[in-house]
Amino acid sequence: MASNLRLALVYGSAREGRFCDVVGEWAQRRIARHGGFDVDRIDPVEWPLSGRPSRADEAQLQQLRQRLHAADAFVIVTPEYNHGYPAALKALIDACYEPWRAKPVAFVSYGASSGGLRAIEQLRQVFGELHAATLRDGVCLAHAWRQFGPDGELREPQAAHAAMDTALARLRWWALALRNARETMPYELATEAAA
């Protein structure tokens, strides 16, 4: 069996009082239980993502880019805000163009009745532009604040646990395949090989 893959668990919300912490911590526990990944949590609250970074901010943004670049795969935990994904997540994605290339992305979404699906559909377009491979499989939590108990665990976990296990198994497959491909030929050389 191959060694652990590096997974960046990216939080999508930076709002005060966000529910992202509950969902993100649940996702991190499921990833740990699944095994095979070393997790690095990336939280937009911790980074200067105003869109106009100062010179002092640039050193921090370089650290963010390095952490994302080190990842073999990504799990994005995001709510749906007004039929879309949060501005904090867009700022984080836009601050770091290259680290997403030729890597798989899985989603854990939450929201009201749609469970965050509209945010995910928009993110698929964004990650396609970044040359990332988005997975079909993921977790969608409709009315998530009702689904979780005060202990941070799902009240009826079977469906979400099964969905997460499937997503992680397929994420691992894609991460291994794409890491091997990047090691064989860096993605930047793909256009040169086609010429």
N, C-alpha and C. Protein backbone atom coordinates (compact mmCIF):
# COMPACT_ATOMS: atom_id res chain seq x y z
N MET A 1 0.86 -1.19 0.00
CA MET A 1 0.00 0.00 0.00
C MET A 1 0.89 1.23 0.00
N ALA A 2 0.49 2.23 -0.77
CA ALA A 2 1.25 3.47 -0.86
C ALA A 2 1.20 4.23 0.46
N SER A 3 2.18 5.11 0.64
CA SER A 3 2.20 5.92 1.85
C SER A 3 1.02 6.89 1.86
N ASN A 4 0.83 7.53 3.00
CA ASN A 4 -0.26 8.49 3.13
C ASN A 4 -0.13 9.60 2.11
N LEU A 5 -1.28 10.03 1.63
CA LEU A 5 -1.36 11.17 0.73
C LEU A 5 -1.58 12.42 1.55
N ARG A 6 -1.12 13.54 1.05
CA ARG A 6 -1.31 14.83 1.72
C ARG A 6 -2.63 15.43 1.25
N LEU A 7 -3.52 15.67 2.20
CA LEU A 7 -4.84 16.19 1.89
C LEU A 7 -5.02 17.55 2.55
N ALA A 8 -5.40 18.54 1.77
CA ALA A 8 -5.74 19.85 2.33
C ALA A 8 -7.25 19.89 2.52
N LEU A 9 -7.67 20.06 3.76
CA LEU A 9 -9.08 20.21 4.11
C LEU A 9 -9.36 21.70 4.17
N VAL A 10 -10.06 22.22 3.17
CA VAL A 10 -10.23 23.66 3.00
C VAL A 10 -11.61 24.07 3.47
N TYR A 11 -11.64 24.97 4.46
CA TYR A 11 -12.90 25.53 4.93
C TYR A 11 -13.34 26.64 3.99
N GLY A 12 -14.66 26.71 3.74
CA GLY A 12 -15.16 27.68 2.78
C GLY A 12 -15.71 28.96 3.37
N SER A 13 -15.97 28.99 4.65
CA SER A 13 -16.62 30.15 5.26
C SER A 13 -15.69 30.86 6.24
N ALA A 14 -15.84 32.17 6.30
CA ALA A 14 -15.09 32.96 7.27
C ALA A 14 -16.03 33.79 8.14
N ARG A 15 -17.32 33.53 8.07
CA ARG A 15 -18.29 34.31 8.83
C ARG A 15 -18.17 34.07 10.33
N GLU A 16 -18.48 35.10 11.07
CA GLU A 16 -18.58 34.99 12.53
C GLU A 16 -19.72 34.03 12.85
N GLY A 17 -19.49 33.10 13.77
CA GLY A 17 -20.52 32.15 14.17
C GLY A 17 -20.84 31.11 13.13
N ARG A 18 -19.93 30.88 12.21
CA ARG A 18 -20.15 29.95 11.10
C ARG A 18 -20.40 28.52 11.58
N PHE A 19 -21.16 27.78 10.78
CA PHE A 19 -21.41 26.37 11.05
C PHE A 19 -20.33 25.49 10.41
N CYS A 20 -19.47 26.11 9.63
CA CYS A 20 -18.39 25.40 8.93
C CYS A 20 -17.49 24.63 9.90
N ASP A 21 -17.31 25.15 11.10
CA ASP A 21 -16.47 24.45 12.07
C ASP A 21 -17.05 23.09 12.42
N VAL A 22 -18.35 23.02 12.62
CA VAL A 22 -19.00 21.75 12.97
C VAL A 22 -18.85 20.75 11.82
N VAL A 23 -19.17 21.19 10.61
CA VAL A 23 -19.11 20.29 9.45
C VAL A 23 -17.65 19.93 9.15
N GLY A 24 -16.76 20.89 9.22
CA GLY A 24 -15.35 20.64 8.95
C GLY A 24 -14.72 19.67 9.94
N GLU A 25 -15.04 19.82 11.21
CA GLU A 25 -14.50 18.91 12.21
C GLU A 25 -15.06 17.50 12.03
N TRP A 26 -16.35 17.40 11.66
CA TRP A 26 -16.92 16.09 11.34
C TRP A 26 -16.17 15.47 10.17
N ALA A 27 -15.93 16.26 9.11
CA ALA A 27 -15.22 15.75 7.94
C ALA A 27 -13.81 15.29 8.32
N GLN A 28 -13.14 16.04 9.17
CA GLN A 28 -11.78 15.66 9.57
C GLN A 28 -11.79 14.35 10.35
N ARG A 29 -12.78 14.15 11.20
CA ARG A 29 -12.88 12.87 11.92
C ARG A 29 -13.13 11.71 10.96
N ARG A 30 -13.97 11.93 9.95
CA ARG A 30 -14.25 10.87 8.98
C ARG A 30 -13.00 10.56 8.15
N ILE A 31 -12.24 11.58 7.80
CA ILE A 31 -11.00 11.37 7.05
C ILE A 31 -10.01 10.56 7.89
N ALA A 32 -9.88 10.92 9.17
CA ALA A 32 -8.97 10.19 10.06
C ALA A 32 -9.41 8.73 10.19
N ARG A 33 -10.71 8.52 10.32
CA ARG A 33 -11.23 7.16 10.45
C ARG A 33 -10.97 6.35 9.18
N HIS A 34 -11.10 7.00 8.04
CA HIS A 34 -10.86 6.34 6.75
C HIS A 34 -9.40 5.94 6.61
N GLY A 35 -8.50 6.82 7.04
CA GLY A 35 -7.06 6.57 6.95
C GLY A 35 -6.52 6.86 5.56
N GLY A 36 -5.19 6.83 5.47
CA GLY A 36 -4.53 7.01 4.18
C GLY A 36 -4.20 8.44 3.81
N PHE A 37 -4.59 9.39 4.66
CA PHE A 37 -4.34 10.80 4.37
C PHE A 37 -3.71 11.49 5.59
N ASP A 38 -2.75 12.36 5.31
CA ASP A 38 -2.26 13.30 6.32
C ASP A 38 -2.96 14.63 6.03
N VAL A 39 -3.70 15.14 7.00
CA VAL A 39 -4.57 16.29 6.78
C VAL A 39 -3.92 17.60 7.23
N ASP A 40 -4.04 18.59 6.37
CA ASP A 40 -3.64 19.96 6.67
C ASP A 40 -4.89 20.82 6.51
N ARG A 41 -5.41 21.35 7.60
CA ARG A 41 -6.61 22.18 7.54
C ARG A 41 -6.24 23.59 7.11
N ILE A 42 -6.92 24.07 6.08
CA ILE A 42 -6.71 25.42 5.55
C ILE A 42 -7.99 26.21 5.81
N ASP A 43 -7.87 27.26 6.59
CA ASP A 43 -9.04 28.04 7.01
C ASP A 43 -8.87 29.48 6.53
N PRO A 44 -9.80 30.02 5.74
CA PRO A 44 -9.64 31.39 5.23
C PRO A 44 -9.55 32.44 6.32
N VAL A 45 -10.04 32.14 7.52
CA VAL A 45 -9.96 33.09 8.63
C VAL A 45 -8.50 33.40 8.98
N GLU A 46 -7.61 32.45 8.72
CA GLU A 46 -6.20 32.58 9.12
C GLU A 46 -5.33 33.30 8.10
N TRP A 47 -5.90 33.73 6.97
CA TRP A 47 -5.07 34.28 5.91
C TRP A 47 -5.54 35.67 5.49
N PRO A 48 -4.63 36.53 5.05
CA PRO A 48 -5.00 37.87 4.59
C PRO A 48 -5.52 37.80 3.15
N LEU A 49 -6.83 37.68 3.01
CA LEU A 49 -7.41 37.45 1.69
C LEU A 49 -8.33 38.58 1.26
N SER A 50 -7.93 39.80 1.50
CA SER A 50 -8.77 40.95 1.17
C SER A 50 -8.84 41.23 -0.32
N GLY A 51 -7.96 40.64 -1.09
CA GLY A 51 -7.89 40.96 -2.52
C GLY A 51 -6.83 41.99 -2.83
N ARG A 52 -6.38 42.71 -1.80
CA ARG A 52 -5.33 43.70 -1.98
C ARG A 52 -4.27 43.49 -0.89
N PRO A 53 -3.49 42.40 -1.01
CA PRO A 53 -2.52 42.12 0.05
C PRO A 53 -1.40 43.15 0.10
N SER A 54 -0.97 43.44 1.30
CA SER A 54 0.19 44.32 1.49
C SER A 54 1.46 43.49 1.35
N ARG A 55 2.59 44.16 1.39
CA ARG A 55 3.86 43.42 1.33
C ARG A 55 4.01 42.49 2.52
N ALA A 56 3.52 42.92 3.68
CA ALA A 56 3.57 42.06 4.87
C ALA A 56 2.70 40.83 4.67
N ASP A 57 1.55 41.00 4.00
CA ASP A 57 0.65 39.88 3.74
C ASP A 57 1.25 38.88 2.75
N GLU A 58 2.10 39.36 1.87
CA GLU A 58 2.63 38.49 0.81
C GLU A 58 3.39 37.29 1.37
N ALA A 59 4.12 37.47 2.47
CA ALA A 59 4.84 36.34 3.08
C ALA A 59 3.86 35.28 3.57
N GLN A 60 2.75 35.71 4.17
CA GLN A 60 1.73 34.77 4.62
C GLN A 60 1.08 34.07 3.45
N LEU A 61 0.79 34.82 2.39
CA LEU A 61 0.18 34.20 1.21
C LEU A 61 1.12 33.19 0.56
N GLN A 62 2.40 33.45 0.61
CA GLN A 62 3.37 32.49 0.08
C GLN A 62 3.32 31.20 0.90
N GLN A 63 3.15 31.30 2.21
CA GLN A 63 3.00 30.10 3.04
C GLN A 63 1.75 29.32 2.65
N LEU A 64 0.65 30.04 2.42
CA LEU A 64 -0.58 29.40 1.99
C LEU A 64 -0.37 28.66 0.67
N ARG A 65 0.26 29.31 -0.28
CA ARG A 65 0.53 28.68 -1.57
C ARG A 65 1.37 27.42 -1.40
N GLN A 66 2.37 27.48 -0.54
CA GLN A 66 3.24 26.31 -0.30
C GLN A 66 2.45 25.15 0.30
N ARG A 67 1.57 25.45 1.24
CA ARG A 67 0.78 24.39 1.86
C ARG A 67 -0.18 23.76 0.85
N LEU A 68 -0.79 24.59 0.01
CA LEU A 68 -1.67 24.03 -1.02
C LEU A 68 -0.88 23.27 -2.07
N HIS A 69 0.27 23.78 -2.42
CA HIS A 69 1.12 23.11 -3.40
C HIS A 69 1.55 21.73 -2.90
N ALA A 70 1.78 21.58 -1.60
CA ALA A 70 2.20 20.30 -1.02
C ALA A 70 1.10 19.25 -1.03
N ALA A 71 -0.14 19.67 -1.17
CA ALA A 71 -1.27 18.74 -1.12
C ALA A 71 -1.34 17.88 -2.37
N ASP A 72 -1.72 16.62 -2.16
CA ASP A 72 -2.01 15.71 -3.28
C ASP A 72 -3.48 15.75 -3.66
N ALA A 73 -4.32 16.21 -2.73
CA ALA A 73 -5.77 16.22 -2.94
C ALA A 73 -6.40 17.26 -2.02
N PHE A 74 -7.66 17.60 -2.34
CA PHE A 74 -8.38 18.61 -1.56
C PHE A 74 -9.78 18.13 -1.23
N VAL A 75 -10.22 18.45 -0.02
CA VAL A 75 -11.63 18.35 0.35
C VAL A 75 -12.06 19.75 0.72
N ILE A 76 -13.05 20.26 0.01
CA ILE A 76 -13.59 21.59 0.26
C ILE A 76 -14.86 21.44 1.08
N VAL A 77 -14.90 22.07 2.25
CA VAL A 77 -16.10 22.09 3.10
C VAL A 77 -16.71 23.47 2.97
N THR A 78 -17.89 23.53 2.35
CA THR A 78 -18.45 24.86 2.07
C THR A 78 -19.95 24.93 2.26
N PRO A 79 -20.42 26.06 2.75
CA PRO A 79 -21.86 26.31 2.76
C PRO A 79 -22.29 26.90 1.42
N GLU A 80 -23.57 27.05 1.28
CA GLU A 80 -24.13 27.79 0.16
C GLU A 80 -24.69 29.09 0.71
N TYR A 81 -24.19 30.20 0.18
CA TYR A 81 -24.69 31.52 0.55
C TYR A 81 -25.39 32.13 -0.66
N ASN A 82 -26.66 32.44 -0.55
CA ASN A 82 -27.39 33.10 -1.63
C ASN A 82 -27.22 32.40 -2.98
N HIS A 83 -27.38 31.09 -2.98
CA HIS A 83 -27.29 30.25 -4.18
C HIS A 83 -25.88 30.18 -4.74
N GLY A 84 -24.87 30.47 -3.95
CA GLY A 84 -23.50 30.40 -4.42
C GLY A 84 -22.55 30.03 -3.30
N TYR A 85 -21.27 30.08 -3.61
CA TYR A 85 -20.27 29.76 -2.59
C TYR A 85 -19.73 31.06 -1.99
N PRO A 86 -19.15 30.98 -0.79
CA PRO A 86 -18.73 32.19 -0.08
C PRO A 86 -17.57 32.95 -0.72
N ALA A 87 -17.57 34.24 -0.51
CA ALA A 87 -16.51 35.10 -1.03
C ALA A 87 -15.15 34.73 -0.44
N ALA A 88 -15.11 34.30 0.83
CA ALA A 88 -13.84 33.94 1.45
C ALA A 88 -13.19 32.76 0.72
N LEU A 89 -14.01 31.81 0.28
CA LEU A 89 -13.48 30.67 -0.47
C LEU A 89 -12.97 31.11 -1.84
N LYS A 90 -13.70 31.98 -2.50
CA LYS A 90 -13.25 32.50 -3.80
C LYS A 90 -11.93 33.24 -3.66
N ALA A 91 -11.79 34.03 -2.60
CA ALA A 91 -10.54 34.77 -2.39
C ALA A 91 -9.38 33.81 -2.15
N LEU A 92 -9.62 32.74 -1.40
CA LEU A 92 -8.56 31.77 -1.13
C LEU A 92 -8.17 31.05 -2.42
N ILE A 93 -9.15 30.64 -3.21
CA ILE A 93 -8.86 29.96 -4.47
C ILE A 93 -8.08 30.88 -5.40
N ASP A 94 -8.52 32.12 -5.53
CA ASP A 94 -7.89 33.06 -6.46
C ASP A 94 -6.49 33.49 -6.03
N ALA A 95 -6.20 33.41 -4.74
CA ALA A 95 -4.88 33.79 -4.25
C ALA A 95 -3.81 32.77 -4.63
N CYS A 96 -4.24 31.60 -5.07
CA CYS A 96 -3.30 30.49 -5.29
C CYS A 96 -3.68 29.73 -6.55
N TYR A 97 -3.25 30.17 -7.69
CA TYR A 97 -3.68 29.56 -8.95
C TYR A 97 -3.05 28.19 -9.20
N GLU A 98 -1.75 28.10 -9.21
CA GLU A 98 -1.07 26.88 -9.64
C GLU A 98 -1.22 25.68 -8.72
N PRO A 99 -1.29 25.82 -7.41
CA PRO A 99 -1.31 24.62 -6.56
C PRO A 99 -2.49 23.68 -6.79
N TRP A 100 -3.55 24.12 -7.46
CA TRP A 100 -4.72 23.27 -7.68
C TRP A 100 -4.56 22.36 -8.89
N ARG A 101 -3.65 22.68 -9.78
CA ARG A 101 -3.53 21.99 -11.06
C ARG A 101 -3.27 20.49 -10.93
N ALA A 102 -4.00 19.74 -11.76
CA ALA A 102 -3.81 18.29 -11.88
C ALA A 102 -3.92 17.57 -10.54
N LYS A 103 -4.85 18.03 -9.71
CA LYS A 103 -5.12 17.39 -8.42
C LYS A 103 -6.62 17.23 -8.24
N PRO A 104 -7.05 16.20 -7.51
CA PRO A 104 -8.48 15.98 -7.33
C PRO A 104 -9.07 16.80 -6.19
N VAL A 105 -10.34 17.14 -6.37
CA VAL A 105 -11.07 17.93 -5.39
C VAL A 105 -12.40 17.24 -5.09
N ALA A 106 -12.66 16.98 -3.80
CA ALA A 106 -13.95 16.45 -3.36
C ALA A 106 -14.63 17.53 -2.53
N PHE A 107 -15.96 17.44 -2.42
CA PHE A 107 -16.73 18.47 -1.74
C PHE A 107 -17.59 17.90 -0.62
N VAL A 108 -17.65 18.64 0.48
CA VAL A 108 -18.63 18.43 1.54
C VAL A 108 -19.38 19.75 1.62
N SER A 109 -20.66 19.72 1.24
CA SER A 109 -21.42 20.96 1.20
C SER A 109 -22.58 20.89 2.18
N TYR A 110 -23.01 22.07 2.58
CA TYR A 110 -24.17 22.16 3.47
C TYR A 110 -24.91 23.45 3.18
N GLY A 111 -26.19 23.43 3.52
CA GLY A 111 -27.01 24.61 3.30
C GLY A 111 -28.44 24.31 3.70
N ALA A 112 -29.35 25.06 3.15
CA ALA A 112 -30.77 24.85 3.46
C ALA A 112 -31.25 23.64 2.67
N SER A 113 -32.36 23.77 1.96
CA SER A 113 -32.95 22.61 1.29
C SER A 113 -32.05 22.01 0.21
N SER A 114 -31.21 22.82 -0.43
CA SER A 114 -30.35 22.29 -1.49
C SER A 114 -29.10 21.61 -0.94
N GLY A 115 -28.79 21.81 0.32
CA GLY A 115 -27.61 21.20 0.90
C GLY A 115 -26.30 21.72 0.34
N GLY A 116 -26.34 22.85 -0.33
CA GLY A 116 -25.11 23.43 -0.87
C GLY A 116 -24.79 23.02 -2.29
N LEU A 117 -25.68 22.30 -2.95
CA LEU A 117 -25.39 21.80 -4.29
C LEU A 117 -25.14 22.91 -5.31
N ARG A 118 -25.83 24.03 -5.18
CA ARG A 118 -25.61 25.12 -6.14
C ARG A 118 -24.21 25.71 -5.99
N ALA A 119 -23.72 25.78 -4.76
CA ALA A 119 -22.35 26.24 -4.54
C ALA A 119 -21.36 25.28 -5.20
N ILE A 120 -21.60 23.98 -5.07
CA ILE A 120 -20.70 22.98 -5.64
C ILE A 120 -20.70 23.07 -7.17
N GLU A 121 -21.86 23.23 -7.76
CA GLU A 121 -21.91 23.32 -9.22
C GLU A 121 -21.10 24.52 -9.72
N GLN A 122 -21.15 25.62 -9.01
CA GLN A 122 -20.35 26.79 -9.40
C GLN A 122 -18.86 26.51 -9.18
N LEU A 123 -18.53 25.84 -8.10
CA LEU A 123 -17.13 25.53 -7.82
C LEU A 123 -16.55 24.56 -8.86
N ARG A 124 -17.36 23.69 -9.39
CA ARG A 124 -16.88 22.79 -10.45
C ARG A 124 -16.38 23.60 -11.65
N GLN A 125 -17.07 24.68 -11.99
CA GLN A 125 -16.64 25.53 -13.09
C GLN A 125 -15.30 26.20 -12.76
N VAL A 126 -15.19 26.71 -11.55
CA VAL A 126 -13.97 27.40 -11.13
C VAL A 126 -12.78 26.43 -11.15
N PHE A 127 -12.96 25.25 -10.55
CA PHE A 127 -11.85 24.29 -10.49
C PHE A 127 -11.52 23.72 -11.87
N GLY A 128 -12.51 23.63 -12.76
CA GLY A 128 -12.22 23.23 -14.13
C GLY A 128 -11.27 24.21 -14.79
N GLU A 129 -11.50 25.49 -14.57
CA GLU A 129 -10.61 26.52 -15.11
C GLU A 129 -9.20 26.42 -14.53
N LEU A 130 -9.10 25.93 -13.31
CA LEU A 130 -7.81 25.78 -12.64
C LEU A 130 -7.13 24.45 -12.97
N HIS A 131 -7.74 23.66 -13.86
CA HIS A 131 -7.19 22.36 -14.27
C HIS A 131 -7.17 21.35 -13.13
N ALA A 132 -8.11 21.47 -12.21
CA ALA A 132 -8.27 20.49 -11.14
C ALA A 132 -9.36 19.50 -11.56
N ALA A 133 -9.32 18.31 -11.00
CA ALA A 133 -10.30 17.27 -11.32
C ALA A 133 -11.29 17.15 -10.16
N THR A 134 -12.52 17.59 -10.39
CA THR A 134 -13.53 17.51 -9.33
C THR A 134 -14.20 16.15 -9.35
N LEU A 135 -14.46 15.62 -8.17
CA LEU A 135 -15.12 14.33 -8.05
C LEU A 135 -16.63 14.47 -8.09
N ARG A 136 -17.27 13.50 -8.67
CA ARG A 136 -18.72 13.45 -8.67
C ARG A 136 -19.22 13.13 -7.26
N ASP A 137 -18.49 12.26 -6.57
CA ASP A 137 -18.91 11.81 -5.24
C ASP A 137 -18.52 12.82 -4.17
N GLY A 138 -19.43 13.05 -3.25
CA GLY A 138 -19.18 13.95 -2.14
C GLY A 138 -20.29 13.81 -1.12
N VAL A 139 -20.35 14.76 -0.22
CA VAL A 139 -21.37 14.76 0.83
C VAL A 139 -22.16 16.05 0.73
N CYS A 140 -23.47 15.93 0.77
CA CYS A 140 -24.37 17.07 0.70
C CYS A 140 -25.29 17.00 1.92
N LEU A 141 -25.25 18.03 2.76
CA LEU A 141 -26.01 18.03 4.01
C LEU A 141 -27.07 19.13 3.98
N ALA A 142 -28.29 18.74 3.67
CA ALA A 142 -29.40 19.69 3.69
C ALA A 142 -29.80 19.97 5.13
N HIS A 143 -30.06 21.22 5.43
CA HIS A 143 -30.43 21.64 6.80
C HIS A 143 -29.47 21.04 7.84
N ALA A 144 -28.18 21.23 7.59
CA ALA A 144 -27.15 20.59 8.41
C ALA A 144 -27.27 20.93 9.89
N TRP A 145 -27.66 22.14 10.21
CA TRP A 145 -27.77 22.54 11.61
C TRP A 145 -28.79 21.70 12.36
N ARG A 146 -29.74 21.07 11.64
CA ARG A 146 -30.68 20.15 12.27
C ARG A 146 -30.12 18.74 12.36
N GLN A 147 -29.19 18.42 11.47
CA GLN A 147 -28.67 17.05 11.39
C GLN A 147 -27.63 16.75 12.46
N PHE A 148 -26.95 17.78 12.96
CA PHE A 148 -25.89 17.56 13.94
C PHE A 148 -26.42 17.78 15.35
N GLY A 149 -25.98 16.92 16.26
CA GLY A 149 -26.31 17.09 17.66
C GLY A 149 -25.32 18.03 18.33
N PRO A 150 -25.54 18.34 19.61
CA PRO A 150 -24.63 19.24 20.33
C PRO A 150 -23.21 18.70 20.47
N ASP A 151 -23.04 17.39 20.28
CA ASP A 151 -21.71 16.79 20.35
C ASP A 151 -20.94 16.88 19.04
N GLY A 152 -21.56 17.49 18.01
CA GLY A 152 -20.89 17.62 16.73
C GLY A 152 -21.00 16.39 15.84
N GLU A 153 -21.78 15.42 16.26
CA GLU A 153 -21.97 14.20 15.47
C GLU A 153 -23.35 14.22 14.82
N LEU A 154 -23.47 13.55 13.70
CA LEU A 154 -24.74 13.46 13.01
C LEU A 154 -25.72 12.60 13.80
N ARG A 155 -26.96 13.03 13.84
CA ARG A 155 -27.98 12.27 14.55
C ARG A 155 -28.31 10.96 13.82
N GLU A 156 -28.35 11.02 12.49
CA GLU A 156 -28.59 9.84 11.65
C GLU A 156 -27.45 9.77 10.63
N PRO A 157 -26.35 9.15 10.99
CA PRO A 157 -25.12 9.28 10.21
C PRO A 157 -24.96 8.35 9.01
N GLN A 158 -25.80 7.34 8.87
CA GLN A 158 -25.52 6.27 7.91
C GLN A 158 -25.29 6.80 6.49
N ALA A 159 -26.20 7.59 5.96
CA ALA A 159 -26.09 8.04 4.57
C ALA A 159 -24.86 8.94 4.37
N ALA A 160 -24.65 9.88 5.28
CA ALA A 160 -23.50 10.78 5.14
C ALA A 160 -22.18 10.03 5.31
N HIS A 161 -22.13 9.09 6.24
CA HIS A 161 -20.90 8.31 6.42
C HIS A 161 -20.60 7.49 5.18
N ALA A 162 -21.62 6.86 4.61
CA ALA A 162 -21.42 6.07 3.39
C ALA A 162 -20.95 6.96 2.25
N ALA A 163 -21.56 8.13 2.10
CA ALA A 163 -21.17 9.06 1.03
C ALA A 163 -19.74 9.53 1.22
N MET A 164 -19.36 9.82 2.45
CA MET A 164 -17.99 10.28 2.71
C MET A 164 -16.99 9.16 2.46
N ASP A 165 -17.31 7.95 2.86
CA ASP A 165 -16.40 6.82 2.63
C ASP A 165 -16.17 6.61 1.13
N THR A 166 -17.23 6.69 0.35
CA THR A 166 -17.11 6.55 -1.10
C THR A 166 -16.26 7.67 -1.67
N ALA A 167 -16.56 8.90 -1.27
CA ALA A 167 -15.80 10.05 -1.77
C ALA A 167 -14.32 9.93 -1.44
N LEU A 168 -14.00 9.51 -0.23
CA LEU A 168 -12.59 9.40 0.17
C LEU A 168 -11.88 8.27 -0.56
N ALA A 169 -12.56 7.16 -0.79
CA ALA A 169 -11.95 6.06 -1.54
C ALA A 169 -11.63 6.51 -2.97
N ARG A 170 -12.55 7.22 -3.58
CA ARG A 170 -12.32 7.68 -4.95
C ARG A 170 -11.32 8.83 -4.99
N LEU A 171 -11.34 9.68 -3.97
CA LEU A 171 -10.35 10.75 -3.89
C LEU A 171 -8.95 10.17 -3.78
N ARG A 172 -8.80 9.12 -3.00
CA ARG A 172 -7.50 8.47 -2.86
C ARG A 172 -7.03 7.90 -4.20
N TRP A 173 -7.95 7.26 -4.93
CA TRP A 173 -7.59 6.71 -6.24
C TRP A 173 -7.09 7.81 -7.16
N TRP A 174 -7.88 8.90 -7.26
CA TRP A 174 -7.50 10.01 -8.13
C TRP A 174 -6.21 10.67 -7.67
N ALA A 175 -6.05 10.81 -6.37
CA ALA A 175 -4.84 11.46 -5.86
C ALA A 175 -3.59 10.65 -6.20
N LEU A 176 -3.67 9.33 -6.04
CA LEU A 176 -2.53 8.47 -6.39
C LEU A 176 -2.25 8.53 -7.89
N ALA A 177 -3.31 8.42 -8.69
CA ALA A 177 -3.13 8.42 -10.15
C ALA A 177 -2.53 9.75 -10.63
N LEU A 178 -3.06 10.85 -10.12
CA LEU A 178 -2.57 12.15 -10.57
C LEU A 178 -1.18 12.47 -10.00
N ARG A 179 -0.90 12.02 -8.78
CA ARG A 179 0.46 12.22 -8.26
C ARG A 179 1.47 11.46 -9.11
N ASN A 180 1.14 10.22 -9.46
CA ASN A 180 2.03 9.44 -10.32
C ASN A 180 2.20 10.11 -11.68
N ALA A 181 1.11 10.64 -12.22
CA ALA A 181 1.19 11.32 -13.52
C ALA A 181 2.06 12.58 -13.43
N ARG A 182 1.89 13.35 -12.35
CA ARG A 182 2.70 14.58 -12.20
C ARG A 182 4.18 14.24 -12.03
N GLU A 183 4.46 13.11 -11.35
CA GLU A 183 5.86 12.70 -11.17
C GLU A 183 6.46 12.20 -12.48
N THR A 184 5.64 11.55 -13.30
CA THR A 184 6.11 11.06 -14.60
C THR A 184 6.38 12.22 -15.55
N MET A 185 5.43 13.15 -15.60
CA MET A 185 5.60 14.33 -16.43
C MET A 185 4.88 15.50 -15.76
N PRO A 186 5.63 16.51 -15.32
CA PRO A 186 4.98 17.67 -14.70
C PRO A 186 3.87 18.23 -15.60
N TYR A 187 2.79 18.64 -14.98
CA TYR A 187 1.63 19.10 -15.73
C TYR A 187 1.96 20.29 -16.64
N GLU A 188 2.87 21.12 -16.21
CA GLU A 188 3.25 22.29 -17.00
C GLU A 188 3.83 21.88 -18.37
N LEU A 189 4.34 20.66 -18.45
CA LEU A 189 4.93 20.19 -19.71
C LEU A 189 3.89 19.57 -20.65
N ALA A 190 2.65 19.45 -20.18
CA ALA A 190 1.62 18.78 -21.00
C ALA A 190 1.36 19.53 -22.30
N THR A 191 1.37 20.84 -22.28
CA THR A 191 1.14 21.59 -23.52
C THR A 191 2.33 21.47 -24.46
N GLU A 192 3.53 21.37 -23.89
CA GLU A 192 4.71 21.20 -24.72
C GLU A 192 4.69 19.83 -25.40
N ALA A 193 4.23 18.81 -24.69
CA ALA A 193 4.18 17.46 -25.26
C ALA A 193 3.17 17.38 -26.39
N ALA A 194 2.11 18.18 -26.31
CA ALA A 194 1.06 18.18 -27.35
C ALA A 194 1.50 18.93 -28.61
N ALA A 195 2.48 19.81 -28.48
CA ALA A 195 2.89 20.64 -29.62
C ALA A 195 3.71 19.86 -30.63
